[in-house]
């Protein structure tokens, strides 16, 4: 598989970005923002958000996310004690 850098990834069409995320991405988590469900993936050494308009279950946008405070929001969705069955 081809390892994309950020510039190459940004030059891809939406369907090609989706294919790269599906084939090479590692799922991290999800957050909700307005009418969108936003999924975070680690892809080729960087983070990518996949924005889905949940009212029609359609992918609206796929973009590299570099803002650390936004990336940190996904961590707040993780409850290690609960996930490990300790609660």
PDB file of N, CA and C in Angstrom:
ATOM      1  N   UNK A   1       0.835  -1.195   0.000  1.00  0.00           N
ATOM      2  CA  UNK A   1       0.000   0.000   0.000  1.00  0.00           C
ATOM      3  C   UNK A   1       0.868   1.241   0.000  1.00  0.00           C
ATOM      4  N   UNK A   2       0.356   2.255  -0.635  1.00  0.00           N
ATOM      5  CA  UNK A   2       1.059   3.531  -0.706  1.00  0.00           C
ATOM      6  C   UNK A   2       0.890   4.286   0.609  1.00  0.00           C
ATOM      7  N   UNK A   3       1.969   4.815   1.136  1.00  0.00           N
ATOM      8  CA  UNK A   3       1.898   5.635   2.354  1.00  0.00           C
ATOM      9  C   UNK A   3       1.833   7.099   1.922  1.00  0.00           C
ATOM     10  N   UNK A   4       0.692   7.711   2.128  1.00  0.00           N
ATOM     11  CA  UNK A   4       0.468   9.093   1.723  1.00  0.00           C
ATOM     12  C   UNK A   4       1.064  10.059   2.728  1.00  0.00           C
ATOM     13  N   UNK A   5       1.590  11.177   2.237  1.00  0.00           N
ATOM     14  CA  UNK A   5       1.922  12.273   3.135  1.00  0.00           C
ATOM     15  C   UNK A   5       0.721  13.217   3.141  1.00  0.00           C
ATOM     16  N   UNK A   6       0.763  14.234   3.984  1.00  0.00           N
ATOM     17  CA  UNK A   6      -0.389  15.136   4.131  1.00  0.00           C
ATOM     18  C   UNK A   6      -0.741  15.835   2.823  1.00  0.00           C
ATOM     19  N   UNK A   7       0.257  16.281   2.094  1.00  0.00           N
ATOM     20  CA  UNK A   7       0.005  16.994   0.836  1.00  0.00           C
ATOM     21  C   UNK A   7      -0.686  16.075  -0.176  1.00  0.00           C
ATOM     22  N   UNK A   8      -0.202  14.849  -0.287  1.00  0.00           N
ATOM     23  CA  UNK A   8      -0.814  13.893  -1.213  1.00  0.00           C
ATOM     24  C   UNK A   8      -2.258  13.586  -0.796  1.00  0.00           C
ATOM     25  N   UNK A   9      -2.463  13.368   0.506  1.00  0.00           N
ATOM     26  CA  UNK A   9      -3.799  13.046   0.988  1.00  0.00           C
ATOM     27  C   UNK A   9      -4.772  14.184   0.682  1.00  0.00           C
ATOM     28  N   UNK A  10      -4.336  15.414   0.924  1.00  0.00           N
ATOM     29  CA  UNK A  10      -5.205  16.561   0.667  1.00  0.00           C
ATOM     30  C   UNK A  10      -5.544  16.729  -0.812  1.00  0.00           C
ATOM     31  N   UNK A  11      -4.707  16.209  -1.692  1.00  0.00           N
ATOM     32  CA  UNK A  11      -4.956  16.339  -3.131  1.00  0.00           C
ATOM     33  C   UNK A  11      -5.944  15.293  -3.647  1.00  0.00           C
ATOM     34  N   UNK A  12      -6.282  14.301  -2.826  1.00  0.00           N
ATOM     35  CA  UNK A  12      -7.197  13.243  -3.255  1.00  0.00           C
ATOM     36  C   UNK A  12      -8.645  13.711  -3.250  1.00  0.00           C
ATOM     37  N   UNK A  13      -9.443  13.117  -4.110  1.00  0.00           N
ATOM     38  CA  UNK A  13     -10.887  13.375  -4.116  1.00  0.00           C
ATOM     39  C   UNK A  13     -11.515  12.758  -2.866  1.00  0.00           C
ATOM     40  N   UNK A  14     -12.729  13.142  -2.542  1.00  0.00           N
ATOM     41  CA  UNK A  14     -13.425  12.607  -1.373  1.00  0.00           C
ATOM     42  C   UNK A  14     -13.548  11.079  -1.433  1.00  0.00           C
ATOM     43  N   UNK A  15     -13.954  10.488  -2.568  1.00  0.00           N
ATOM     44  CA  UNK A  15     -14.030   9.019  -2.611  1.00  0.00           C
ATOM     45  C   UNK A  15     -12.673   8.345  -2.410  1.00  0.00           C
ATOM     46  N   UNK A  16     -11.610   8.922  -2.914  1.00  0.00           N
ATOM     47  CA  UNK A  16     -10.277   8.342  -2.724  1.00  0.00           C
ATOM     48  C   UNK A  16      -9.818   8.502  -1.280  1.00  0.00           C
ATOM     49  N   UNK A  17     -10.125   9.638  -0.656  1.00  0.00           N
ATOM     50  CA  UNK A  17      -9.796   9.817   0.762  1.00  0.00           C
ATOM     51  C   UNK A  17     -10.510   8.751   1.597  1.00  0.00           C
ATOM     52  N   UNK A  18     -11.772   8.523   1.276  1.00  0.00           N
ATOM     53  CA  UNK A  18     -12.555   7.526   2.006  1.00  0.00           C
ATOM     54  C   UNK A  18     -11.920   6.139   1.869  1.00  0.00           C
ATOM     55  N   UNK A  19     -11.505   5.794   0.675  1.00  0.00           N
ATOM     56  CA  UNK A  19     -10.881   4.502   0.439  1.00  0.00           C
ATOM     57  C   UNK A  19      -9.591   4.351   1.256  1.00  0.00           C
ATOM     58  N   UNK A  20      -8.782   5.415   1.306  1.00  0.00           N
ATOM     59  CA  UNK A  20      -7.541   5.381   2.091  1.00  0.00           C
ATOM     60  C   UNK A  20      -7.859   5.202   3.573  1.00  0.00           C
ATOM     61  N   UNK A  21      -8.856   5.936   4.077  1.00  0.00           N
ATOM     62  CA  UNK A  21      -9.242   5.817   5.488  1.00  0.00           C
ATOM     63  C   UNK A  21      -9.711   4.395   5.783  1.00  0.00           C
ATOM     64  N   UNK A  22     -10.529   3.832   4.903  1.00  0.00           N
ATOM     65  CA  UNK A  22     -11.047   2.479   5.114  1.00  0.00           C
ATOM     66  C   UNK A  22      -9.939   1.421   5.062  1.00  0.00           C
ATOM     67  N   UNK A  23      -8.995   1.591   4.135  1.00  0.00           N
ATOM     68  CA  UNK A  23      -7.962   0.577   3.940  1.00  0.00           C
ATOM     69  C   UNK A  23      -6.787   0.719   4.900  1.00  0.00           C
ATOM     70  N   UNK A  24      -6.440   1.952   5.260  1.00  0.00           N
ATOM     71  CA  UNK A  24      -5.220   2.174   6.036  1.00  0.00           C
ATOM     72  C   UNK A  24      -5.451   2.819   7.397  1.00  0.00           C
ATOM     73  N   UNK A  25      -6.680   3.256   7.668  1.00  0.00           N
ATOM     74  CA  UNK A  25      -6.952   3.972   8.905  1.00  0.00           C
ATOM     75  C   UNK A  25      -7.179   3.078  10.100  1.00  0.00           C
ATOM     76  N   UNK A  26      -6.776   3.586  11.249  1.00  0.00           N
ATOM     77  CA  UNK A  26      -7.050   2.930  12.526  1.00  0.00           C
ATOM     78  C   UNK A  26      -8.041   3.805  13.279  1.00  0.00           C
ATOM     79  N   UNK A  27      -9.206   3.253  13.572  1.00  0.00           N
ATOM     80  CA  UNK A  27     -10.271   4.008  14.222  1.00  0.00           C
ATOM     81  C   UNK A  27      -9.872   4.419  15.629  1.00  0.00           C
ATOM     82  N   UNK A  28     -10.104   5.708  15.957  1.00  0.00           N
ATOM     83  CA  UNK A  28      -9.765   6.240  17.278  1.00  0.00           C
ATOM     84  C   UNK A  28     -11.022   6.506  18.109  1.00  0.00           C
ATOM     85  N   UNK A  29     -11.980   7.227  17.544  1.00  0.00           N
ATOM     86  CA  UNK A  29     -13.174   7.572  18.313  1.00  0.00           C
ATOM     87  C   UNK A  29     -14.122   8.445  17.539  1.00  0.00           C
ATOM     88  N   UNK A  30     -15.156   8.892  18.226  1.00  0.00           N
ATOM     89  CA  UNK A  30     -16.204   9.689  17.594  1.00  0.00           C
ATOM     90  C   UNK A  30     -16.611  10.838  18.509  1.00  0.00           C
ATOM     91  N   UNK A  31     -17.048  11.919  17.896  1.00  0.00           N
ATOM     92  CA  UNK A  31     -17.639  13.038  18.631  1.00  0.00           C
ATOM     93  C   UNK A  31     -18.800  13.553  17.791  1.00  0.00           C
ATOM     94  N   UNK A  32     -19.668  14.320  18.412  1.00  0.00           N
ATOM     95  CA  UNK A  32     -20.792  14.889  17.678  1.00  0.00           C
ATOM     96  C   UNK A  32     -20.646  16.395  17.670  1.00  0.00           C
ATOM     97  N   UNK A  33     -20.869  16.984  16.516  1.00  0.00           N
ATOM     98  CA  UNK A  33     -20.762  18.431  16.360  1.00  0.00           C
ATOM     99  C   UNK A  33     -21.919  18.893  15.475  1.00  0.00           C
ATOM    100  N   UNK A  34     -22.905  19.525  16.086  1.00  0.00           N
ATOM    101  CA  UNK A  34     -24.080  19.959  15.330  1.00  0.00           C
ATOM    102  C   UNK A  34     -24.776  18.766  14.707  1.00  0.00           C
ATOM    103  N   UNK A  35     -24.988  18.832  13.396  1.00  0.00           N
ATOM    104  CA  UNK A  35     -25.668  17.772  12.662  1.00  0.00           C
ATOM    105  C   UNK A  35     -24.731  16.683  12.162  1.00  0.00           C
ATOM    106  N   UNK A  36     -23.489  16.732  12.600  1.00  0.00           N
ATOM    107  CA  UNK A  36     -22.489  15.780  12.118  1.00  0.00           C
ATOM    108  C   UNK A  36     -21.998  14.851  13.219  1.00  0.00           C
ATOM    109  N   UNK A  37     -21.754  13.621  12.836  1.00  0.00           N
ATOM    110  CA  UNK A  37     -21.026  12.676  13.668  1.00  0.00           C
ATOM    111  C   UNK A  37     -19.627  12.643  13.055  1.00  0.00           C
ATOM    112  N   UNK A  38     -18.618  12.946  13.850  1.00  0.00           N
ATOM    113  CA  UNK A  38     -17.252  13.090  13.352  1.00  0.00           C
ATOM    114  C   UNK A  38     -16.399  11.957  13.923  1.00  0.00           C
ATOM    115  N   UNK A  39     -15.835  11.158  13.030  1.00  0.00           N
ATOM    116  CA  UNK A  39     -15.023  10.005  13.415  1.00  0.00           C
ATOM    117  C   UNK A  39     -13.550  10.344  13.185  1.00  0.00           C
ATOM    118  N   UNK A  40     -12.716   9.982  14.154  1.00  0.00           N
ATOM    119  CA  UNK A  40     -11.281  10.238  14.052  1.00  0.00           C
ATOM    120  C   UNK A  40     -10.544   8.938  13.748  1.00  0.00           C
ATOM    121  N   UNK A  41      -9.638   9.014  12.781  1.00  0.00           N
ATOM    122  CA  UNK A  41      -8.796   7.882  12.391  1.00  0.00           C
ATOM    123  C   UNK A  41      -7.340   8.320  12.384  1.00  0.00           C
ATOM    124  N   UNK A  42      -6.455   7.383  12.684  1.00  0.00           N
ATOM    125  CA  UNK A  42      -5.020   7.579  12.462  1.00  0.00           C
ATOM    126  C   UNK A  42      -4.732   6.967  11.098  1.00  0.00           C
ATOM    127  N   UNK A  43      -4.176   7.788  10.206  1.00  0.00           N
ATOM    128  CA  UNK A  43      -3.919   7.356   8.828  1.00  0.00           C
ATOM    129  C   UNK A  43      -2.527   7.821   8.420  1.00  0.00           C
ATOM    130  N   UNK A  44      -1.669   6.904   8.065  1.00  0.00           N
ATOM    131  CA  UNK A  44      -0.347   7.244   7.497  1.00  0.00           C
ATOM    132  C   UNK A  44       0.458   8.196   8.384  1.00  0.00           C
ATOM    133  N   UNK A  45       0.287   8.106   9.689  1.00  0.00           N
ATOM    134  CA  UNK A  45       1.066   8.940  10.598  1.00  0.00           C
ATOM    135  C   UNK A  45       0.449  10.282  10.933  1.00  0.00           C
ATOM    136  N   UNK A  46      -0.801  10.509  10.563  1.00  0.00           N
ATOM    137  CA  UNK A  46      -1.503  11.731  10.942  1.00  0.00           C
ATOM    138  C   UNK A  46      -2.964  11.397  11.227  1.00  0.00           C
ATOM    139  N   UNK A  47      -3.693  12.359  11.792  1.00  0.00           N
ATOM    140  CA  UNK A  47      -5.095  12.155  12.144  1.00  0.00           C
ATOM    141  C   UNK A  47      -6.001  12.697  11.045  1.00  0.00           C
ATOM    142  N   UNK A  48      -7.089  11.960  10.796  1.00  0.00           N
ATOM    143  CA  UNK A  48      -8.064  12.346   9.782  1.00  0.00           C
ATOM    144  C   UNK A  48      -9.450  12.255  10.401  1.00  0.00           C
ATOM    145  N   UNK A  49     -10.252  13.292  10.178  1.00  0.00           N
ATOM    146  CA  UNK A  49     -11.646  13.267  10.615  1.00  0.00           C
ATOM    147  C   UNK A  49     -12.551  12.988   9.415  1.00  0.00           C
ATOM    148  N   UNK A  50     -13.512  12.113   9.652  1.00  0.00           N
ATOM    149  CA  UNK A  50     -14.520  11.779   8.662  1.00  0.00           C
ATOM    150  C   UNK A  50     -15.849  12.317   9.181  1.00  0.00           C
ATOM    151  N   UNK A  51     -16.408  13.315   8.490  1.00  0.00           N
ATOM    152  CA  UNK A  51     -17.629  13.983   8.911  1.00  0.00           C
ATOM    153  C   UNK A  51     -18.827  13.358   8.207  1.00  0.00           C
ATOM    154  N   UNK A  52     -19.788  12.863   8.999  1.00  0.00           N
ATOM    155  CA  UNK A  52     -20.994  12.248   8.438  1.00  0.00           C
ATOM    156  C   UNK A  52     -22.205  13.065   8.884  1.00  0.00           C
ATOM    157  N   UNK A  53     -22.997  13.500   7.912  1.00  0.00           N
ATOM    158  CA  UNK A  53     -24.260  14.186   8.197  1.00  0.00           C
ATOM    159  C   UNK A  53     -25.241  13.097   8.613  1.00  0.00           C
ATOM    160  N   UNK A  54     -25.497  12.998   9.930  1.00  0.00           N
ATOM    161  CA  UNK A  54     -26.190  11.811  10.428  1.00  0.00           C
ATOM    162  C   UNK A  54     -27.656  11.739  10.051  1.00  0.00           C
ATOM    163  N   UNK A  55     -28.280  12.841   9.667  1.00  0.00           N
ATOM    164  CA  UNK A  55     -29.701  12.786   9.289  1.00  0.00           C
ATOM    165  C   UNK A  55     -29.905  11.983   8.011  1.00  0.00           C
ATOM    166  N   UNK A  56     -28.887  11.951   7.141  1.00  0.00           N
ATOM    167  CA  UNK A  56     -28.996  11.180   5.900  1.00  0.00           C
ATOM    168  C   UNK A  56     -27.866  10.166   5.748  1.00  0.00           C
ATOM    169  N   UNK A  57     -27.040  10.013   6.793  1.00  0.00           N
ATOM    170  CA  UNK A  57     -25.930   9.054   6.792  1.00  0.00           C
ATOM    171  C   UNK A  57     -25.056   9.199   5.543  1.00  0.00           C
ATOM    172  N   UNK A  58     -24.679  10.451   5.254  1.00  0.00           N
ATOM    173  CA  UNK A  58     -23.841  10.739   4.093  1.00  0.00           C
ATOM    174  C   UNK A  58     -22.541  11.391   4.536  1.00  0.00           C
ATOM    175  N   UNK A  59     -21.432  10.925   3.963  1.00  0.00           N
ATOM    176  CA  UNK A  59     -20.137  11.534   4.254  1.00  0.00           C
ATOM    177  C   UNK A  59     -20.118  12.923   3.641  1.00  0.00           C
ATOM    178  N   UNK A  60     -19.840  13.896   4.476  1.00  0.00           N
ATOM    179  CA  UNK A  60     -19.864  15.290   4.051  1.00  0.00           C
ATOM    180  C   UNK A  60     -18.463  15.826   3.809  1.00  0.00           C
ATOM    181  N   UNK A  61     -17.486  15.315   4.589  1.00  0.00           N
ATOM    182  CA  UNK A  61     -16.136  15.864   4.518  1.00  0.00           C
ATOM    183  C   UNK A  61     -15.153  14.887   5.142  1.00  0.00           C
ATOM    184  N   UNK A  62     -13.950  14.833   4.586  1.00  0.00           N
ATOM    185  CA  UNK A  62     -12.852  14.065   5.173  1.00  0.00           C
ATOM    186  C   UNK A  62     -11.628  14.960   5.126  1.00  0.00           C
ATOM    187  N   UNK A  63     -11.068  15.252   6.301  1.00  0.00           N
ATOM    188  CA  UNK A  63      -9.956  16.204   6.348  1.00  0.00           C
ATOM    189  C   UNK A  63      -8.968  15.839   7.444  1.00  0.00           C
ATOM    190  N   UNK A  64      -7.732  16.227   7.233  1.00  0.00           N
ATOM    191  CA  UNK A  64      -6.687  16.060   8.235  1.00  0.00           C
ATOM    192  C   UNK A  64      -6.985  16.986   9.410  1.00  0.00           C
ATOM    193  N   UNK A  65      -6.849  16.461  10.621  1.00  0.00           N
ATOM    194  CA  UNK A  65      -7.059  17.263  11.824  1.00  0.00           C
ATOM    195  C   UNK A  65      -5.719  17.416  12.544  1.00  0.00           C
ATOM    196  N   UNK A  66      -5.279  18.660  12.676  1.00  0.00           N
ATOM    197  CA  UNK A  66      -4.000  18.928  13.330  1.00  0.00           C
ATOM    198  C   UNK A  66      -4.142  19.710  14.627  1.00  0.00           C
ATOM    199  N   UNK A  67      -5.348  20.130  14.955  1.00  0.00           N
ATOM    200  CA  UNK A  67      -5.586  20.901  16.166  1.00  0.00           C
ATOM    201  C   UNK A  67      -5.605  19.949  17.370  1.00  0.00           C
ATOM    202  N   UNK A  68      -4.579  20.045  18.210  1.00  0.00           N
ATOM    203  CA  UNK A  68      -4.429  19.112  19.332  1.00  0.00           C
ATOM    204  C   UNK A  68      -5.586  19.195  20.314  1.00  0.00           C
ATOM    205  N   UNK A  69      -6.162  20.367  20.525  1.00  0.00           N
ATOM    206  CA  UNK A  69      -7.278  20.465  21.469  1.00  0.00           C
ATOM    207  C   UNK A  69      -8.508  19.718  20.946  1.00  0.00           C
ATOM    208  N   UNK A  70      -8.707  19.701  19.632  1.00  0.00           N
ATOM    209  CA  UNK A  70      -9.811  18.931  19.054  1.00  0.00           C
ATOM    210  C   UNK A  70      -9.514  17.443  19.159  1.00  0.00           C
ATOM    211  N   UNK A  71      -8.306  17.048  18.849  1.00  0.00           N
ATOM    212  CA  UNK A  71      -7.921  15.640  18.960  1.00  0.00           C
ATOM    213  C   UNK A  71      -8.105  15.161  20.403  1.00  0.00           C
ATOM    214  N   UNK A  72      -7.779  16.001  21.368  1.00  0.00           N
ATOM    215  CA  UNK A  72      -7.929  15.641  22.785  1.00  0.00           C
ATOM    216  C   UNK A  72      -9.384  15.408  23.181  1.00  0.00           C
ATOM    217  N   UNK A  73     -10.337  16.027  22.444  1.00  0.00           N
ATOM    218  CA  UNK A  73     -11.761  15.826  22.744  1.00  0.00           C
ATOM    219  C   UNK A  73     -12.147  14.359  22.625  1.00  0.00           C
ATOM    220  N   UNK A  74     -11.500  13.636  21.751  1.00  0.00           N
ATOM    221  CA  UNK A  74     -11.820  12.224  21.583  1.00  0.00           C
ATOM    222  C   UNK A  74     -11.427  11.419  22.812  1.00  0.00           C
ATOM    223  N   UNK A  75     -10.387  11.841  23.487  1.00  0.00           N
ATOM    224  CA  UNK A  75      -9.954  11.149  24.694  1.00  0.00           C
ATOM    225  C   UNK A  75     -10.971  11.219  25.805  1.00  0.00           C
ATOM    226  N   UNK A  76     -11.770  12.266  25.845  1.00  0.00           N
ATOM    227  CA  UNK A  76     -12.777  12.399  26.893  1.00  0.00           C
ATOM    228  C   UNK A  76     -13.909  11.389  26.721  1.00  0.00           C
ATOM    229  N   UNK A  77     -14.007  10.771  25.543  1.00  0.00           N
ATOM    230  CA  UNK A  77     -15.034   9.760  25.298  1.00  0.00           C
ATOM    231  C   UNK A  77     -14.626   8.384  25.801  1.00  0.00           C
ATOM    232  N   UNK A  78     -13.381   8.236  26.242  1.00  0.00           N
ATOM    233  CA  UNK A  78     -12.869   6.939  26.661  1.00  0.00           C
ATOM    234  C   UNK A  78     -12.969   6.816  28.175  1.00  0.00           C
ATOM    235  N   UNK A  79     -13.575   5.753  28.623  1.00  0.00           N
ATOM    236  CA  UNK A  79     -13.669   5.447  30.045  1.00  0.00           C
ATOM    237  C   UNK A  79     -13.006   4.088  30.253  1.00  0.00           C
ATOM    238  N   UNK A  80     -11.725   4.106  30.579  1.00  0.00           N
ATOM    239  CA  UNK A  80     -10.948   2.876  30.663  1.00  0.00           C
ATOM    240  C   UNK A  80     -11.542   1.907  31.676  1.00  0.00           C
ATOM    241  N   UNK A  81     -11.932   2.400  32.858  1.00  0.00           N
ATOM    242  CA  UNK A  81     -12.495   1.513  33.888  1.00  0.00           C
ATOM    243  C   UNK A  81     -13.747   0.810  33.376  1.00  0.00           C
ATOM    244  N   UNK A  82     -14.622   1.577  32.740  1.00  0.00           N
ATOM    245  CA  UNK A  82     -15.852   0.984  32.208  1.00  0.00           C
ATOM    246  C   UNK A  82     -15.535   0.017  31.066  1.00  0.00           C
ATOM    247  N   UNK A  83     -14.653   0.438  30.155  1.00  0.00           N
ATOM    248  CA  UNK A  83     -14.307  -0.397  29.008  1.00  0.00           C
ATOM    249  C   UNK A  83     -13.664  -1.718  29.422  1.00  0.00           C
ATOM    250  N   UNK A  84     -12.952  -1.712  30.559  1.00  0.00           N
ATOM    251  CA  UNK A  84     -12.309  -2.925  31.056  1.00  0.00           C
ATOM    252  C   UNK A  84     -13.203  -3.714  32.013  1.00  0.00           C
ATOM    253  N   UNK A  85     -14.427  -3.202  32.237  1.00  0.00           N
ATOM    254  CA  UNK A  85     -15.375  -3.891  33.112  1.00  0.00           C
ATOM    255  C   UNK A  85     -15.040  -3.777  34.580  1.00  0.00           C
ATOM    256  N   UNK A  86     -14.348  -2.699  34.978  1.00  0.00           N
ATOM    257  CA  UNK A  86     -13.943  -2.516  36.370  1.00  0.00           C
ATOM    258  C   UNK A  86     -14.964  -1.704  37.171  1.00  0.00           C
ATOM    259  N   UNK A  87     -15.924  -1.095  36.498  1.00  0.00           N
ATOM    260  CA  UNK A  87     -16.960  -0.312  37.197  1.00  0.00           C
ATOM    261  C   UNK A  87     -18.228  -1.121  37.350  1.00  0.00           C
TER     262      UNK A  87
END
